[in-house]
C-alpha atoms as a PDB file:
ATOM      1  CA  MET A   1      77.769 101.609  38.372  1.00  0.00           C
ATOM      2  CA  ALA A   2      80.447 100.908  35.737  1.00  0.00           C
ATOM      3  CA  LYS A   3      83.878 100.187  37.866  1.00  0.00           C
ATOM      4  CA  ALA A   4      86.984 101.511  35.519  1.00  0.00           C
ATOM      5  CA  ASN A   5      88.906  99.395  33.028  1.00  0.00           C
ATOM      6  CA  ILE A   6      92.321 100.081  33.556  1.00  0.00           C
ATOM      7  CA  LYS A   7      94.636  97.382  32.198  1.00  0.00           C
ATOM      8  CA  ASN A   8      96.727  95.621  34.588  1.00  0.00           C
ATOM      9  CA  SER A   9      95.513  97.080  37.676  1.00  0.00           C
ATOM     10  CA  LYS A  10      93.891  95.158  40.729  1.00  0.00           C
ATOM     11  CA  THR A  11      92.121  98.313  41.998  1.00  0.00           C
ATOM     12  CA  SER A  12      88.627  98.751  41.227  1.00  0.00           C
ATOM     13  CA  ILE A  13      87.597 102.646  41.300  1.00  0.00           C
ATOM     14  CA  LYS A  14      84.239 103.348  42.503  1.00  0.00           C
ATOM     15  CA  PRO A  15      83.303 106.498  42.348  1.00  0.00           C
ATOM     16  CA  LEU A  16      80.857 108.122  45.422  1.00  0.00           C
ATOM     17  CA  ALA A  17      77.769 109.862  45.137  1.00  0.00           C
ATOM     18  CA  GLY A  18      78.064 113.378  42.602  1.00  0.00           C
ATOM     19  CA  TYR A  19      81.534 111.946  41.505  1.00  0.00           C
ATOM     20  CA  VAL A  20      83.013 110.689  37.943  1.00  0.00           C
ATOM     21  CA  LEU A  21      85.979 109.025  36.862  1.00  0.00           C
ATOM     22  CA  VAL A  22      87.798 110.737  34.251  1.00  0.00           C
ATOM     23  CA  GLU A  23      91.286 110.056  32.285  1.00  0.00           C
ATOM     24  CA  PRO A  24      92.911 113.235  30.622  1.00  0.00           C
ATOM     25  CA  ALA A  25      93.303 113.313  27.253  1.00  0.00           C
ATOM     26  CA  GLU A  26      97.420 114.123  26.569  1.00  0.00           C
ATOM     27  CA  ALA A  27      98.817 117.715  26.847  1.00  0.00           C
ATOM     28  CA  GLN A  28      99.771 119.045  23.515  1.00  0.00           C
ATOM     29  CA  ALA A  29     103.488 118.884  22.991  1.00  0.00           C
ATOM     30  CA  THR A  30     103.144 121.152  20.248  1.00  0.00           C
ATOM     31  CA  THR A  31     102.427 124.597  19.119  1.00  0.00           C
ATOM     32  CA  ALA A  32     100.379 125.236  15.975  1.00  0.00           C
ATOM     33  CA  SER A  33     103.470 126.376  14.441  1.00  0.00           C
ATOM     34  CA  GLY A  34     105.517 123.582  15.548  1.00  0.00           C
ATOM     35  CA  ILE A  35     107.535 124.917  18.922  1.00  0.00           C
ATOM     36  CA  ILE A  36     108.137 121.737  21.015  1.00  0.00           C
ATOM     37  CA  LEU A  37     106.568 122.065  24.187  1.00  0.00           C
ATOM     38  CA  PRO A  38     108.707 120.451  27.526  1.00  0.00           C
ATOM     39  CA  GLU A  39     107.240 119.248  29.927  1.00  0.00           C
ATOM     40  CA  SER A  40     106.984 121.270  32.105  1.00  0.00           C
ATOM     41  CA  ALA A  41     105.600 124.353  30.073  1.00  0.00           C
ATOM     42  CA  GLN A  42     102.535 121.660  28.620  1.00  0.00           C
ATOM     43  CA  GLU A  43      99.552 122.633  30.275  1.00  0.00           C
ATOM     44  CA  LYS A  44      96.906 119.908  31.008  1.00  0.00           C
ATOM     45  CA  PRO A  45      93.967 119.761  29.192  1.00  0.00           C
ATOM     46  CA  ALA A  46      90.456 120.157  30.821  1.00  0.00           C
ATOM     47  CA  MET A  47      88.967 117.325  28.520  1.00  0.00           C
ATOM     48  CA  GLY A  48      88.734 113.462  29.103  1.00  0.00           C
ATOM     49  CA  LYS A  49      86.787 110.075  28.871  1.00  0.00           C
ATOM     50  CA  VAL A  50      84.527 109.177  31.488  1.00  0.00           C
ATOM     51  CA  LEU A  51      85.969 106.149  33.007  1.00  0.00           C
ATOM     52  CA  SER A  52      83.163 105.606  35.551  1.00  0.00           C
ATOM     53  CA  VAL A  53      80.119 107.134  36.887  1.00  0.00           C
ATOM     54  CA  GLY A  54      79.407 107.306  41.341  1.00  0.00           C
ATOM     55  CA  PRO A  55      75.499 106.972  41.886  1.00  0.00           C
ATOM     56  CA  ASP A  56      72.853 110.399  41.428  1.00  0.00           C
ATOM     57  CA  TRP A  57      73.849 113.031  44.475  1.00  0.00           C
ATOM     58  CA  VAL A  58      70.335 113.865  46.066  1.00  0.00           C
ATOM     59  CA  LEU A  59      70.907 117.378  47.923  1.00  0.00           C
ATOM     60  CA  GLU A  60      69.735 118.795  51.100  1.00  0.00           C
ATOM     61  CA  GLY A  61      65.868 118.428  50.718  1.00  0.00           C
ATOM     62  CA  GLY A  62      65.451 115.373  49.042  1.00  0.00           C
ATOM     63  CA  LYS A  63      66.696 116.329  45.347  1.00  0.00           C
ATOM     64  CA  THR A  64      68.878 114.092  43.598  1.00  0.00           C
ATOM     65  CA  LEU A  65      71.095 115.797  40.876  1.00  0.00           C
ATOM     66  CA  LYS A  66      70.887 112.922  38.354  1.00  0.00           C
ATOM     67  CA  CYS A  67      74.202 112.180  36.434  1.00  0.00           C
ATOM     68  CA  PRO A  68      74.982 114.099  33.336  1.00  0.00           C
ATOM     69  CA  VAL A  69      77.328 112.203  31.455  1.00  0.00           C
ATOM     70  CA  LYS A  70      77.508 108.069  30.939  1.00  0.00           C
ATOM     71  CA  VAL A  71      80.997 105.577  30.609  1.00  0.00           C
ATOM     72  CA  GLY A  72      82.587 106.274  27.393  1.00  0.00           C
ATOM     73  CA  ASP A  73      81.566 110.700  27.610  1.00  0.00           C
ATOM     74  CA  LYS A  74      84.328 112.657  26.206  1.00  0.00           C
ATOM     75  CA  VAL A  75      83.434 115.854  28.554  1.00  0.00           C
ATOM     76  CA  TYR A  76      85.452 119.504  29.309  1.00  0.00           C
ATOM     77  CA  TYR A  77      85.634 120.195  32.810  1.00  0.00           C
ATOM     78  CA  LYS A  78      86.832 123.232  34.918  1.00  0.00           C
ATOM     79  CA  LYS A  79      90.634 124.031  33.900  1.00  0.00           C
ATOM     80  CA  TRP A  80      90.930 124.112  38.185  1.00  0.00           C
ATOM     81  CA  GLY A  81      88.164 121.370  38.981  1.00  0.00           C
ATOM     82  CA  GLY A  82      88.355 117.268  39.940  1.00  0.00           C
ATOM     83  CA  ASP A  83      90.888 115.942  42.068  1.00  0.00           C
ATOM     84  CA  GLU A  84      94.667 114.398  41.057  1.00  0.00           C
ATOM     85  CA  ILE A  85      94.868 110.440  41.336  1.00  0.00           C
ATOM     86  CA  LYS A  86      96.971 108.357  40.569  1.00  0.00           C
ATOM     87  CA  ILE A  87      96.448 104.191  39.214  1.00  0.00           C
ATOM     88  CA  ASP A  88      99.603 101.782  38.842  1.00  0.00           C
ATOM     89  CA  GLY A  89     101.440 105.452  37.649  1.00  0.00           C
ATOM     90  CA  LYS A  90      98.144 106.004  35.638  1.00  0.00           C
ATOM     91  CA  GLU A  91      97.346 110.499  36.196  1.00  0.00           C
ATOM     92  CA  LEU A  92      93.026 109.890  36.428  1.00  0.00           C
ATOM     93  CA  LYS A  93      90.776 112.820  37.953  1.00  0.00           C
ATOM     94  CA  LEU A  94      87.207 111.957  40.351  1.00  0.00           C
ATOM     95  CA  VAL A  95      85.280 114.660  38.922  1.00  0.00           C
ATOM     96  CA  LYS A  96      82.284 116.274  40.534  1.00  0.00           C
ATOM     97  CA  PHE A  97      78.518 116.870  38.620  1.00  0.00           C
ATOM     98  CA  ASP A  98      79.028 120.276  39.221  1.00  0.00           C
ATOM     99  CA  ASP A  99      82.799 121.178  37.511  1.00  0.00           C
ATOM    100  CA  LEU A 100      81.438 119.315  34.353  1.00  0.00           C
ATOM    101  CA  MET A 101      81.184 121.837  31.611  1.00  0.00           C
ATOM    102  CA  ALA A 102      79.635 119.845  28.137  1.00  0.00           C
ATOM    103  CA  THR A 103      80.123 116.826  25.988  1.00  0.00           C
ATOM    104  CA  VAL A 104      81.900 116.546  22.766  1.00  0.00           C
ATOM    105  CA  GLU A 105      79.724 114.682  19.958  1.00  0.00           C
END
């Protein structure tokens, strides 16, 4: 299991089984036509970079769900998936394996 490398942080986040730690991508500040959006109107992206992964998740009945991604992967996750946490002023998300939808190559 990889540790999250958060600069200037004394905290090391290690997700538990079935979770990955994701750094969300920056919200788009302008529209396609160039209109600048205030922060309150910016939609949070459902995409980010995997910083750390938890161990495989053992389901009921003993079946194991392997982690589908690795550290450094760019992923899309469900819009309302994951729980936001703040570490040293930086917003991160803990996302369940089930809430991951795709990787970006």
